N, C-alpha and C. Protein backbone atom coordinates (compact mmCIF):
# COMPACT_ATOMS: atom_id res chain seq x y z
N MET A 1 0.87 -1.21 0.09
CA MET A 1 -0.05 0.01 -0.03
C MET A 1 0.86 1.34 0.07
N LYS A 2 0.55 2.26 -0.85
CA LYS A 2 1.38 3.40 -0.91
C LYS A 2 1.09 4.35 0.22
N GLN A 3 2.12 4.85 0.76
CA GLN A 3 2.27 5.83 1.71
C GLN A 3 2.51 7.26 1.20
N TYR A 4 1.67 8.18 1.39
CA TYR A 4 1.75 9.42 0.86
C TYR A 4 2.23 10.49 1.75
N VAL A 5 3.07 11.55 1.29
CA VAL A 5 3.60 12.62 2.06
C VAL A 5 3.56 13.85 1.16
N TRP A 6 3.34 14.98 1.89
CA TRP A 6 3.48 16.23 1.20
C TRP A 6 5.02 16.68 1.01
N TYR A 7 5.59 17.13 -0.25
CA TYR A 7 6.92 17.49 -0.34
C TYR A 7 6.67 19.02 -0.60
N ALA A 8 7.23 19.94 0.41
CA ALA A 8 7.27 21.40 0.29
C ALA A 8 8.50 21.92 -0.54
N SER A 9 8.28 22.33 -1.64
CA SER A 9 9.46 23.06 -2.40
C SER A 9 9.36 24.42 -2.44
N TYR A 10 10.51 25.00 -2.07
CA TYR A 10 10.81 26.45 -1.88
C TYR A 10 11.72 26.98 -3.11
N GLY A 11 12.29 26.14 -3.94
CA GLY A 11 13.18 26.57 -4.87
C GLY A 11 12.68 26.17 -6.32
N SER A 12 13.54 25.76 -7.08
CA SER A 12 13.09 25.67 -8.63
C SER A 12 11.85 24.53 -8.58
N ASN A 13 11.68 23.74 -7.82
CA ASN A 13 10.57 22.79 -7.91
C ASN A 13 9.18 23.28 -7.53
N ILE A 14 9.27 24.74 -7.17
CA ILE A 14 8.02 25.43 -7.20
C ILE A 14 7.41 25.42 -8.47
N ASN A 15 8.19 25.40 -9.48
CA ASN A 15 7.73 25.26 -11.19
C ASN A 15 7.48 23.87 -11.34
N LYS A 16 6.15 23.63 -11.69
CA LYS A 16 5.61 22.16 -11.67
C LYS A 16 6.44 21.37 -12.92
N LYS A 17 6.57 21.98 -13.99
CA LYS A 17 7.38 21.43 -15.10
C LYS A 17 8.46 21.00 -14.78
N ARG A 18 9.33 21.92 -13.93
CA ARG A 18 10.80 21.48 -13.39
C ARG A 18 10.52 20.29 -12.36
N PHE A 19 9.64 20.39 -11.49
CA PHE A 19 9.51 19.28 -10.54
C PHE A 19 9.24 17.89 -11.23
N LEU A 20 8.24 17.90 -12.21
CA LEU A 20 7.89 16.70 -13.07
C LEU A 20 9.18 16.03 -13.60
N CYS A 21 10.31 16.83 -14.00
CA CYS A 21 11.39 16.27 -14.44
C CYS A 21 11.97 15.23 -13.39
N TYR A 22 11.90 15.64 -12.00
CA TYR A 22 12.38 14.69 -11.04
C TYR A 22 11.49 13.48 -10.82
N ILE A 23 10.13 13.65 -11.33
CA ILE A 23 9.27 12.57 -11.02
C ILE A 23 9.39 11.70 -12.43
N LYS A 24 9.38 12.10 -13.56
CA LYS A 24 9.21 11.43 -14.83
C LYS A 24 10.41 11.46 -15.66
N GLY A 25 11.45 12.16 -15.09
CA GLY A 25 12.75 12.23 -15.89
C GLY A 25 12.50 13.50 -16.98
N GLY A 26 13.73 13.73 -17.41
CA GLY A 26 13.87 14.74 -18.29
C GLY A 26 14.66 16.18 -17.97
N ARG A 27 14.97 16.80 -19.00
CA ARG A 27 15.84 18.09 -18.72
C ARG A 27 15.05 19.40 -18.59
N PRO A 28 14.95 20.07 -17.53
CA PRO A 28 14.20 21.37 -17.39
C PRO A 28 14.83 22.39 -18.06
N ASN A 29 14.18 23.26 -18.51
CA ASN A 29 14.39 24.62 -19.14
C ASN A 29 15.59 25.30 -18.23
N GLY A 30 16.71 25.64 -18.89
CA GLY A 30 17.54 26.45 -18.15
C GLY A 30 18.64 25.55 -17.26
N SER A 31 18.58 24.20 -17.20
CA SER A 31 19.48 23.44 -16.45
C SER A 31 20.23 22.76 -17.67
N THR A 32 21.39 22.35 -17.27
CA THR A 32 22.38 21.59 -18.11
C THR A 32 22.33 20.10 -17.91
N GLU A 33 21.57 19.67 -16.95
CA GLU A 33 21.45 18.24 -16.55
C GLU A 33 20.09 17.55 -16.87
N THR A 34 20.16 16.36 -17.24
CA THR A 34 18.80 15.55 -17.49
C THR A 34 18.61 14.78 -16.25
N GLU A 35 17.44 14.83 -15.70
CA GLU A 35 17.16 14.11 -14.34
C GLU A 35 16.60 12.83 -14.76
N VAL A 36 17.02 11.77 -13.69
CA VAL A 36 16.59 10.29 -14.15
C VAL A 36 15.13 9.97 -13.73
N GLY A 37 14.55 10.86 -12.95
CA GLY A 37 13.21 10.61 -12.62
C GLY A 37 12.98 9.56 -11.36
N CYS A 38 11.83 9.38 -10.99
CA CYS A 38 11.58 8.44 -9.90
C CYS A 38 11.31 6.99 -10.48
N LYS A 39 11.42 6.01 -9.71
CA LYS A 39 11.15 4.54 -9.99
C LYS A 39 9.45 4.62 -10.41
N ASP A 40 8.77 5.19 -9.55
CA ASP A 40 7.45 5.34 -9.90
C ASP A 40 7.14 6.89 -10.41
N PRO A 41 6.83 6.91 -11.73
CA PRO A 41 6.78 8.17 -12.44
C PRO A 41 5.36 8.84 -12.47
N SER A 42 4.46 8.23 -11.49
CA SER A 42 3.06 8.72 -11.29
C SER A 42 3.15 10.29 -10.94
N SER A 43 2.25 10.93 -11.27
CA SER A 43 2.11 12.39 -11.06
C SER A 43 1.76 12.67 -9.60
N PRO A 44 1.92 13.81 -9.01
CA PRO A 44 1.47 13.92 -7.59
C PRO A 44 -0.11 13.91 -7.73
N ILE A 45 -0.65 13.45 -6.60
CA ILE A 45 -2.22 13.24 -6.51
C ILE A 45 -2.72 14.53 -6.05
N ASP A 46 -2.06 15.42 -5.53
CA ASP A 46 -2.61 16.74 -5.09
C ASP A 46 -1.48 17.86 -5.02
N GLU A 47 -1.90 19.00 -5.02
CA GLU A 47 -0.85 20.11 -4.82
C GLU A 47 -1.49 21.38 -4.32
N GLY A 48 -0.56 22.31 -3.79
CA GLY A 48 -1.08 23.60 -3.28
C GLY A 48 0.03 24.21 -2.72
N ILE A 49 -0.32 25.62 -2.22
CA ILE A 49 0.74 26.50 -1.81
C ILE A 49 0.78 26.22 -0.28
N PHE A 50 2.05 26.64 0.31
CA PHE A 50 2.31 26.46 1.71
C PHE A 50 3.36 27.32 2.02
N THR A 51 3.27 28.02 3.34
CA THR A 51 4.30 28.89 3.73
C THR A 51 5.11 28.18 4.88
N ILE A 52 6.42 28.40 4.65
CA ILE A 52 7.45 27.75 5.43
C ILE A 52 7.90 28.91 6.27
N PRO A 53 7.98 28.68 7.65
CA PRO A 53 8.53 29.72 8.52
C PRO A 53 10.07 29.65 8.83
N TYR A 54 10.79 29.43 7.71
CA TYR A 54 12.32 29.31 7.86
C TYR A 54 12.76 30.28 6.72
N PRO A 55 13.84 31.01 7.01
CA PRO A 55 14.31 31.97 5.99
C PRO A 55 14.99 31.30 4.88
N LEU A 56 14.73 31.99 3.57
CA LEU A 56 15.25 31.55 2.45
C LEU A 56 16.43 32.31 1.95
N TYR A 57 17.40 31.70 1.44
CA TYR A 57 18.59 32.41 0.82
C TYR A 57 19.19 31.52 -0.24
N PHE A 58 20.12 32.13 -0.99
CA PHE A 58 20.85 31.44 -2.20
C PHE A 58 22.30 31.54 -2.03
N ALA A 59 22.67 30.26 -2.23
CA ALA A 59 24.15 30.05 -1.96
C ALA A 59 24.67 28.89 -2.74
N LYS A 60 26.20 28.63 -2.66
CA LYS A 60 26.81 27.63 -3.43
C LYS A 60 26.94 28.00 -5.02
N GLU A 61 27.49 27.11 -5.69
CA GLU A 61 27.52 27.18 -7.24
C GLU A 61 27.12 25.95 -7.67
N ALA A 62 25.87 25.95 -8.35
CA ALA A 62 25.36 24.74 -8.80
C ALA A 62 25.73 24.43 -10.35
N ARG A 63 26.50 23.53 -10.57
CA ARG A 63 26.89 23.19 -12.01
C ARG A 63 25.61 23.18 -12.97
N ARG A 64 24.58 22.70 -12.58
CA ARG A 64 23.44 22.71 -13.32
C ARG A 64 22.91 23.69 -13.76
N TRP A 65 23.06 24.77 -13.09
CA TRP A 65 22.41 26.14 -13.18
C TRP A 65 23.61 27.21 -13.23
N ASP A 66 24.38 26.90 -14.32
CA ASP A 66 25.38 27.87 -14.61
C ASP A 66 26.46 28.23 -13.74
N SER A 67 26.63 27.17 -12.59
CA SER A 67 27.53 27.49 -11.57
C SER A 67 27.15 28.57 -10.61
N LYS A 68 25.93 28.97 -10.51
CA LYS A 68 25.34 29.96 -9.60
C LYS A 68 24.56 29.58 -8.51
N GLY A 69 24.40 30.48 -7.68
CA GLY A 69 23.56 30.09 -6.42
C GLY A 69 22.10 29.38 -6.61
N VAL A 70 21.89 28.64 -5.56
CA VAL A 70 20.62 27.95 -5.51
C VAL A 70 19.95 28.03 -4.16
N ALA A 71 18.61 27.69 -4.20
CA ALA A 71 17.85 28.14 -2.88
C ALA A 71 18.04 27.05 -1.78
N PHE A 72 18.07 27.54 -0.67
CA PHE A 72 18.13 26.79 0.73
C PHE A 72 17.33 27.63 1.79
N ILE A 73 16.82 26.88 2.68
CA ILE A 73 16.32 27.49 3.93
C ILE A 73 17.16 27.19 4.92
N ASP A 74 17.18 28.10 6.12
CA ASP A 74 17.95 27.81 7.13
C ASP A 74 17.25 26.61 7.96
N GLY A 75 18.02 25.77 8.85
CA GLY A 75 17.48 24.77 9.50
C GLY A 75 16.53 25.07 10.83
N SER A 76 16.61 26.29 11.15
CA SER A 76 15.94 26.83 12.42
C SER A 76 14.77 27.60 11.94
N PRO A 77 13.52 27.45 12.46
CA PRO A 77 12.37 28.34 12.22
C PRO A 77 12.59 29.80 12.74
N ASN A 78 11.95 30.59 12.07
CA ASN A 78 11.88 31.96 12.50
C ASN A 78 10.38 32.62 12.05
N GLU A 79 9.76 32.88 13.00
CA GLU A 79 8.22 33.03 12.89
C GLU A 79 8.09 34.49 12.34
N ARG A 80 9.07 35.16 12.14
CA ARG A 80 9.03 36.47 11.32
C ARG A 80 9.34 36.32 9.99
N THR A 81 9.61 35.14 9.55
CA THR A 81 9.94 34.99 8.13
C THR A 81 8.79 33.99 7.57
N ALA A 82 8.57 34.20 6.24
CA ALA A 82 7.62 33.54 5.40
C ALA A 82 8.37 33.08 3.92
N THR A 83 8.53 31.83 3.92
CA THR A 83 9.14 31.42 2.58
C THR A 83 7.95 30.83 1.91
N TYR A 84 7.73 31.24 0.74
CA TYR A 84 6.67 30.48 -0.13
C TYR A 84 7.07 29.21 -0.65
N SER A 85 6.17 28.37 -0.67
CA SER A 85 6.44 26.96 -1.23
C SER A 85 5.31 26.51 -1.93
N LYS A 86 5.47 25.51 -2.75
CA LYS A 86 4.41 24.70 -3.30
C LYS A 86 4.56 23.30 -2.77
N LYS A 87 3.60 22.70 -2.38
CA LYS A 87 3.61 21.39 -1.91
C LYS A 87 2.98 20.47 -2.85
N TYR A 88 3.51 19.25 -2.96
CA TYR A 88 2.86 18.06 -3.92
C TYR A 88 2.84 16.91 -2.97
N LEU A 89 1.63 16.27 -3.16
CA LEU A 89 1.41 15.07 -2.44
C LEU A 89 1.83 13.94 -3.40
N ILE A 90 2.85 13.25 -2.91
CA ILE A 90 3.53 12.11 -3.67
C ILE A 90 3.94 10.84 -2.54
N THR A 91 4.23 9.79 -3.21
CA THR A 91 4.44 8.65 -2.30
C THR A 91 5.87 9.03 -1.44
N SER A 92 5.99 8.36 -0.37
CA SER A 92 7.16 8.50 0.35
C SER A 92 8.40 7.92 -0.61
N GLU A 93 8.01 7.13 -1.35
CA GLU A 93 9.20 6.39 -2.06
C GLU A 93 9.73 7.54 -3.04
N GLN A 94 8.69 8.13 -3.77
CA GLN A 94 8.88 9.24 -4.52
C GLN A 94 9.78 10.44 -3.91
N PHE A 95 9.34 10.75 -2.69
CA PHE A 95 10.16 11.70 -2.03
C PHE A 95 11.42 11.34 -1.80
N ILE A 96 11.63 10.20 -1.41
CA ILE A 96 13.19 9.72 -1.24
C ILE A 96 14.03 9.74 -2.59
N ASP A 97 13.21 9.38 -3.64
CA ASP A 97 13.96 9.33 -5.10
C ASP A 97 14.23 10.81 -5.48
N VAL A 98 13.46 11.76 -5.14
CA VAL A 98 13.62 13.09 -5.38
C VAL A 98 14.95 13.70 -4.61
N LEU A 99 14.76 13.29 -3.38
CA LEU A 99 15.99 13.65 -2.46
C LEU A 99 17.34 13.08 -2.92
N LYS A 100 17.29 11.78 -3.53
CA LYS A 100 18.60 11.17 -4.19
C LYS A 100 19.04 12.11 -5.23
N GLN A 101 17.94 12.46 -6.16
CA GLN A 101 18.28 13.20 -7.25
C GLN A 101 18.93 14.56 -6.99
N GLU A 102 18.47 15.13 -5.88
CA GLU A 102 19.05 16.53 -5.33
C GLU A 102 20.23 16.39 -4.68
N ASN A 103 20.75 15.04 -4.34
CA ASN A 103 22.01 14.83 -3.75
C ASN A 103 22.87 13.88 -4.57
N SER A 104 22.87 14.19 -5.91
CA SER A 104 23.67 13.54 -6.87
C SER A 104 23.63 12.12 -6.89
N GLY A 105 22.47 11.58 -6.52
CA GLY A 105 22.11 10.24 -6.68
C GLY A 105 22.63 9.31 -5.40
N MET A 106 23.20 10.00 -4.57
CA MET A 106 23.73 9.15 -3.23
C MET A 106 22.62 8.28 -2.84
N LYS A 107 23.25 7.08 -2.32
CA LYS A 107 22.19 5.96 -1.72
C LYS A 107 21.71 6.62 -0.13
N ILE A 108 20.30 6.63 -0.07
CA ILE A 108 19.71 7.34 1.03
C ILE A 108 18.87 6.25 1.73
N ASP A 109 18.87 6.10 2.92
CA ASP A 109 18.12 5.07 3.62
C ASP A 109 17.62 6.01 4.93
N ILE A 110 16.35 6.33 4.96
CA ILE A 110 15.82 7.11 5.98
C ILE A 110 14.41 6.69 6.26
N ASP A 111 14.23 6.66 7.52
CA ASP A 111 12.85 6.38 8.11
C ASP A 111 12.15 7.71 8.33
N LEU A 112 11.04 7.98 7.39
CA LEU A 112 10.54 9.33 7.57
C LEU A 112 9.69 9.52 8.80
N GLN A 113 9.16 8.32 9.45
CA GLN A 113 8.44 8.36 10.71
C GLN A 113 9.54 8.89 11.89
N GLU A 114 10.69 8.50 11.61
CA GLU A 114 11.81 9.08 12.63
C GLU A 114 11.89 10.73 12.60
N VAL A 115 11.86 11.08 11.33
CA VAL A 115 12.01 12.42 11.04
C VAL A 115 10.88 13.17 11.61
N ARG A 116 9.54 12.64 11.45
CA ARG A 116 8.35 13.16 11.82
C ARG A 116 8.36 13.35 13.43
N GLU A 117 9.01 12.25 14.05
CA GLU A 117 8.94 12.36 15.51
C GLU A 117 9.98 13.42 15.97
N SER A 118 11.11 13.45 15.50
CA SER A 118 12.21 14.38 15.85
C SER A 118 12.18 15.87 15.28
N GLY A 119 11.43 16.06 14.21
CA GLY A 119 11.30 17.35 13.59
C GLY A 119 12.33 17.55 12.53
N SER A 120 13.40 17.07 12.65
CA SER A 120 14.51 17.28 11.73
C SER A 120 15.50 16.24 11.76
N MET A 121 16.22 15.91 10.65
CA MET A 121 17.33 14.92 10.54
C MET A 121 18.34 15.26 9.53
N VAL A 122 19.63 15.40 10.07
CA VAL A 122 20.72 15.45 9.16
C VAL A 122 21.26 14.12 8.82
N PHE A 123 21.14 13.64 7.50
CA PHE A 123 21.53 12.33 7.14
C PHE A 123 22.96 12.39 6.50
N ARG A 124 23.40 13.57 5.87
CA ARG A 124 24.71 13.67 5.30
C ARG A 124 25.36 15.16 5.67
N GLU A 125 26.43 15.20 6.46
CA GLU A 125 26.73 16.47 6.91
C GLU A 125 27.32 17.28 5.85
N LYS A 126 27.67 16.84 4.70
CA LYS A 126 28.32 17.68 3.71
C LYS A 126 27.49 17.78 2.45
N ALA A 127 26.47 17.19 2.54
CA ALA A 127 25.53 17.11 1.39
C ALA A 127 24.79 18.46 1.24
N TRP A 128 24.58 19.06 0.14
CA TRP A 128 23.82 20.31 -0.01
C TRP A 128 22.50 20.14 0.61
N TYR A 129 21.83 19.09 0.28
CA TYR A 129 20.56 18.88 0.79
C TYR A 129 20.41 17.64 1.70
N GLY A 130 21.17 17.72 2.84
CA GLY A 130 21.55 16.61 3.59
C GLY A 130 20.62 16.80 4.81
N ARG A 131 19.67 17.68 4.92
CA ARG A 131 18.88 17.80 6.12
C ARG A 131 17.38 17.48 5.70
N ILE A 132 16.54 16.92 6.48
CA ILE A 132 15.11 16.89 6.13
C ILE A 132 14.48 17.50 7.36
N LEU A 133 13.50 18.29 7.10
CA LEU A 133 12.53 19.02 8.10
C LEU A 133 11.20 18.56 7.99
N TYR A 134 10.72 18.15 9.09
CA TYR A 134 9.02 18.05 9.19
C TYR A 134 8.56 19.16 9.48
N LEU A 135 7.37 19.67 8.73
CA LEU A 135 6.98 20.95 8.78
C LEU A 135 5.39 20.86 9.37
N GLY A 136 4.84 19.75 9.84
CA GLY A 136 3.53 19.59 10.35
C GLY A 136 2.92 18.53 9.35
N ASP A 137 1.48 18.72 9.54
CA ASP A 137 0.61 17.77 8.82
C ASP A 137 -0.54 18.61 7.81
N ASP A 138 -0.96 18.12 7.02
CA ASP A 138 -2.03 18.68 6.21
C ASP A 138 -2.93 17.61 5.72
N ASP A 139 -4.31 17.62 5.99
CA ASP A 139 -5.10 16.71 5.66
C ASP A 139 -4.71 15.12 5.96
N GLY A 140 -4.11 15.02 7.15
CA GLY A 140 -3.54 13.57 7.50
C GLY A 140 -2.37 13.25 7.00
N TYR A 141 -1.64 13.99 6.25
CA TYR A 141 -0.37 13.69 5.59
C TYR A 141 0.72 14.55 5.99
N PRO A 142 1.98 14.03 6.49
CA PRO A 142 3.07 14.88 6.96
C PRO A 142 3.65 15.74 5.83
N ILE A 143 4.24 16.86 6.17
CA ILE A 143 4.86 17.62 5.21
C ILE A 143 6.31 17.71 5.57
N PHE A 144 7.07 17.52 4.58
CA PHE A 144 8.62 17.36 4.69
C PHE A 144 9.24 18.24 3.43
N THR A 145 10.33 18.78 3.83
CA THR A 145 11.17 19.41 2.80
C THR A 145 12.58 18.99 3.29
N PHE A 146 13.65 19.68 2.29
CA PHE A 146 15.02 19.40 2.73
C PHE A 146 15.81 20.58 2.40
N THR A 147 16.89 20.66 3.04
CA THR A 147 17.79 21.81 2.94
C THR A 147 19.24 21.34 3.34
N ALA A 148 20.05 22.42 3.54
CA ALA A 148 21.32 22.26 3.82
C ALA A 148 21.65 21.88 5.36
N PRO A 149 22.76 21.11 5.63
CA PRO A 149 22.84 20.84 7.13
C PRO A 149 23.54 21.95 7.92
N TRP A 150 24.07 22.93 7.08
CA TRP A 150 24.86 24.08 7.78
C TRP A 150 23.73 25.14 8.17
N ASP A 151 24.26 26.24 8.88
CA ASP A 151 23.47 27.08 9.44
C ASP A 151 23.57 28.36 8.30
N ILE A 152 22.62 29.08 8.26
CA ILE A 152 22.65 30.41 7.37
C ILE A 152 23.89 31.23 7.55
N ASP A 153 24.23 31.41 8.83
CA ASP A 153 25.33 32.36 9.02
C ASP A 153 26.69 31.76 8.74
N THR A 154 26.74 30.52 8.32
CA THR A 154 28.01 29.90 8.16
C THR A 154 28.51 29.78 6.70
N VAL A 155 27.62 30.37 5.77
CA VAL A 155 27.72 30.16 4.47
C VAL A 155 27.93 31.52 3.55
N ALA A 156 28.51 31.53 2.51
CA ALA A 156 28.46 32.80 1.72
C ALA A 156 27.33 32.66 0.92
N PHE A 157 26.66 33.86 0.42
CA PHE A 157 25.58 33.96 -0.29
C PHE A 157 26.03 34.12 -1.68
N ASN A 158 25.23 33.61 -2.68
CA ASN A 158 25.60 33.59 -4.03
C ASN A 158 24.42 34.02 -4.94
N LYS A 159 24.66 34.81 -5.94
CA LYS A 159 23.60 35.06 -6.92
C LYS A 159 23.36 33.93 -7.70
N PRO A 160 21.75 33.75 -7.68
CA PRO A 160 21.22 32.77 -8.58
C PRO A 160 21.33 33.02 -10.21
N SER A 161 21.45 32.03 -10.95
CA SER A 161 21.35 32.31 -12.41
C SER A 161 19.94 32.91 -12.98
N SER A 162 19.91 33.62 -13.91
CA SER A 162 18.81 34.13 -14.50
C SER A 162 17.75 33.13 -14.65
N GLU A 163 18.27 32.07 -15.29
CA GLU A 163 17.43 30.83 -15.60
C GLU A 163 16.88 30.14 -14.44
N TYR A 164 17.61 29.98 -13.29
CA TYR A 164 17.20 29.50 -12.14
C TYR A 164 16.12 30.41 -11.47
N LEU A 165 16.34 31.69 -11.51
CA LEU A 165 15.52 32.59 -10.97
C LEU A 165 14.09 32.66 -11.66
N ASP A 166 14.29 32.62 -13.04
CA ASP A 166 13.02 32.58 -13.90
C ASP A 166 12.26 31.39 -13.66
N THR A 167 12.82 30.21 -13.35
CA THR A 167 12.15 29.09 -13.03
C THR A 167 11.34 29.15 -11.80
N ILE A 168 11.83 29.77 -10.77
CA ILE A 168 11.15 29.93 -9.54
C ILE A 168 10.01 30.95 -9.76
N ILE A 169 10.41 32.02 -10.48
CA ILE A 169 9.41 33.13 -10.50
C ILE A 169 8.11 32.63 -11.32
N SER A 170 8.32 31.92 -12.40
CA SER A 170 7.37 31.26 -13.23
C SER A 170 6.52 30.38 -12.45
N GLY A 171 6.89 29.68 -11.37
CA GLY A 171 6.03 28.78 -10.53
C GLY A 171 5.51 29.63 -9.64
N LEU A 172 5.97 30.83 -9.05
CA LEU A 172 5.30 31.69 -8.22
C LEU A 172 4.14 32.40 -8.83
N ARG A 173 4.19 32.70 -10.12
CA ARG A 173 3.20 33.53 -10.79
C ARG A 173 1.91 32.75 -10.83
N GLU A 174 1.72 31.32 -10.66
CA GLU A 174 0.57 30.70 -10.64
C GLU A 174 -0.22 31.22 -9.40
N TYR A 175 0.43 31.63 -8.27
CA TYR A 175 -0.25 31.89 -6.94
C TYR A 175 -0.22 33.43 -6.67
N TYR A 176 0.95 34.28 -7.10
CA TYR A 176 1.08 35.39 -6.49
C TYR A 176 1.16 36.40 -7.57
N SER A 177 0.72 37.73 -7.29
CA SER A 177 0.88 38.76 -8.04
C SER A 177 2.37 39.28 -8.43
N LYS A 178 2.48 40.08 -9.51
CA LYS A 178 3.87 40.61 -9.71
C LYS A 178 4.43 41.43 -8.56
N GLU A 179 3.59 42.18 -7.85
CA GLU A 179 4.02 43.06 -6.87
C GLU A 179 4.39 42.15 -5.67
N GLU A 180 3.67 41.16 -5.40
CA GLU A 180 3.94 40.17 -4.24
C GLU A 180 5.28 39.39 -4.62
N ILE A 181 5.61 39.14 -5.68
CA ILE A 181 6.73 38.23 -5.94
C ILE A 181 8.02 39.16 -5.83
N VAL A 182 7.98 40.41 -6.35
CA VAL A 182 9.07 41.23 -6.24
C VAL A 182 9.28 41.63 -4.82
N GLN A 183 8.21 42.02 -4.13
CA GLN A 183 8.52 42.15 -2.66
C GLN A 183 9.07 41.09 -1.91
N TYR A 184 8.56 39.67 -2.34
CA TYR A 184 9.25 38.50 -1.60
C TYR A 184 10.75 38.34 -1.88
N LEU A 185 10.88 38.69 -3.04
CA LEU A 185 12.36 38.16 -3.46
C LEU A 185 13.48 39.16 -3.18
N GLU A 186 13.11 40.45 -3.30
CA GLU A 186 14.10 41.51 -3.62
C GLU A 186 15.02 41.80 -2.39
N ASN A 187 14.75 41.10 -1.07
CA ASN A 187 15.58 41.37 -0.19
C ASN A 187 16.16 39.88 0.39
N LYS A 188 16.06 38.96 -0.34
CA LYS A 188 16.64 37.62 0.03
C LYS A 188 18.12 37.57 -0.26
N PRO A 189 18.69 37.02 0.79
CA PRO A 189 20.15 36.86 0.60
C PRO A 189 20.50 36.08 -0.71
N GLY A 190 21.44 36.69 -1.44
CA GLY A 190 21.84 36.12 -2.68
C GLY A 190 21.08 36.96 -3.76
N ILE A 191 19.91 37.44 -3.57
CA ILE A 191 19.22 38.21 -4.63
C ILE A 191 19.61 39.80 -4.31
N LYS A 192 19.47 40.15 -2.98
CA LYS A 192 19.74 41.46 -2.77
C LYS A 192 21.03 41.95 -3.07
N ASP A 193 21.31 43.12 -3.57
CA ASP A 193 22.53 43.57 -4.01
C ASP A 193 23.02 42.92 -5.30
N ASN A 194 22.24 41.93 -5.87
CA ASN A 194 22.65 41.21 -7.36
C ASN A 194 21.54 41.37 -8.40
N TYR A 195 20.35 41.68 -7.81
CA TYR A 195 19.23 41.87 -8.77
C TYR A 195 18.44 43.11 -8.37
N SER A 196 18.27 44.17 -9.15
CA SER A 196 17.55 45.26 -8.81
C SER A 196 16.06 45.03 -8.76
N THR A 197 15.20 45.77 -8.27
CA THR A 197 13.76 45.84 -8.42
C THR A 197 13.35 45.74 -9.78
N GLN A 198 14.01 46.46 -10.60
CA GLN A 198 13.68 46.72 -12.10
C GLN A 198 13.98 45.40 -12.82
N GLU A 199 15.12 44.81 -12.45
CA GLU A 199 15.51 43.51 -13.05
C GLU A 199 14.57 42.36 -12.68
N LEU A 200 14.21 42.40 -11.29
CA LEU A 200 13.25 41.28 -10.96
C LEU A 200 11.89 41.63 -11.71
N GLU A 201 11.48 42.83 -11.94
CA GLU A 201 10.23 43.03 -12.65
C GLU A 201 10.19 42.62 -14.06
N ARG A 202 11.63 42.62 -14.62
CA ARG A 202 11.65 42.11 -16.04
C ARG A 202 11.30 40.72 -16.15
N PHE A 203 11.53 39.91 -15.30
CA PHE A 203 11.29 38.30 -15.28
C PHE A 203 9.61 38.22 -15.47
N LEU A 204 9.04 39.37 -14.98
CA LEU A 204 7.54 39.11 -14.85
C LEU A 204 6.91 39.85 -16.06
């Protein structure tokens, strides 16, 4: 029997077309790499928006995204912060398969019930997305996301590529206005001082 979980995405997977490349395989627009997809390529059975009370930032140099910054959230909640996400209802096996692809195909053996009970689990200390966070439940299903194992104040911020940012913005446009998106992004670490308000508006 399939067990379902919500995966809350705050980065490029906000864009459904991009996310489905992790489910069904394929090369998303703006990326230089083709994703292998999940063993079960079934589409999500539900989706919706969700706000994560963890701060968003952009860091590292992702080869698939022009060696520029990609999205992370800090591992500690901050109730003054609202990170926009899109949640997809997928099987727990699909969630693990997506996590594998986000971590260069590394073998991952995780008990999501343990994560649900503890609230957070670091399974790879140096993996970019080596921490899973439990964010509560919705309609009887647990909500999970993943991020870096390090703290926000220990990493250098980096500008995301225009292709990566366009992918995120295209996903946000499904739910938010132009003004809301610009106000949301313009002060995020990695975007602030690298993209002007006018440059962000041109994506829209």
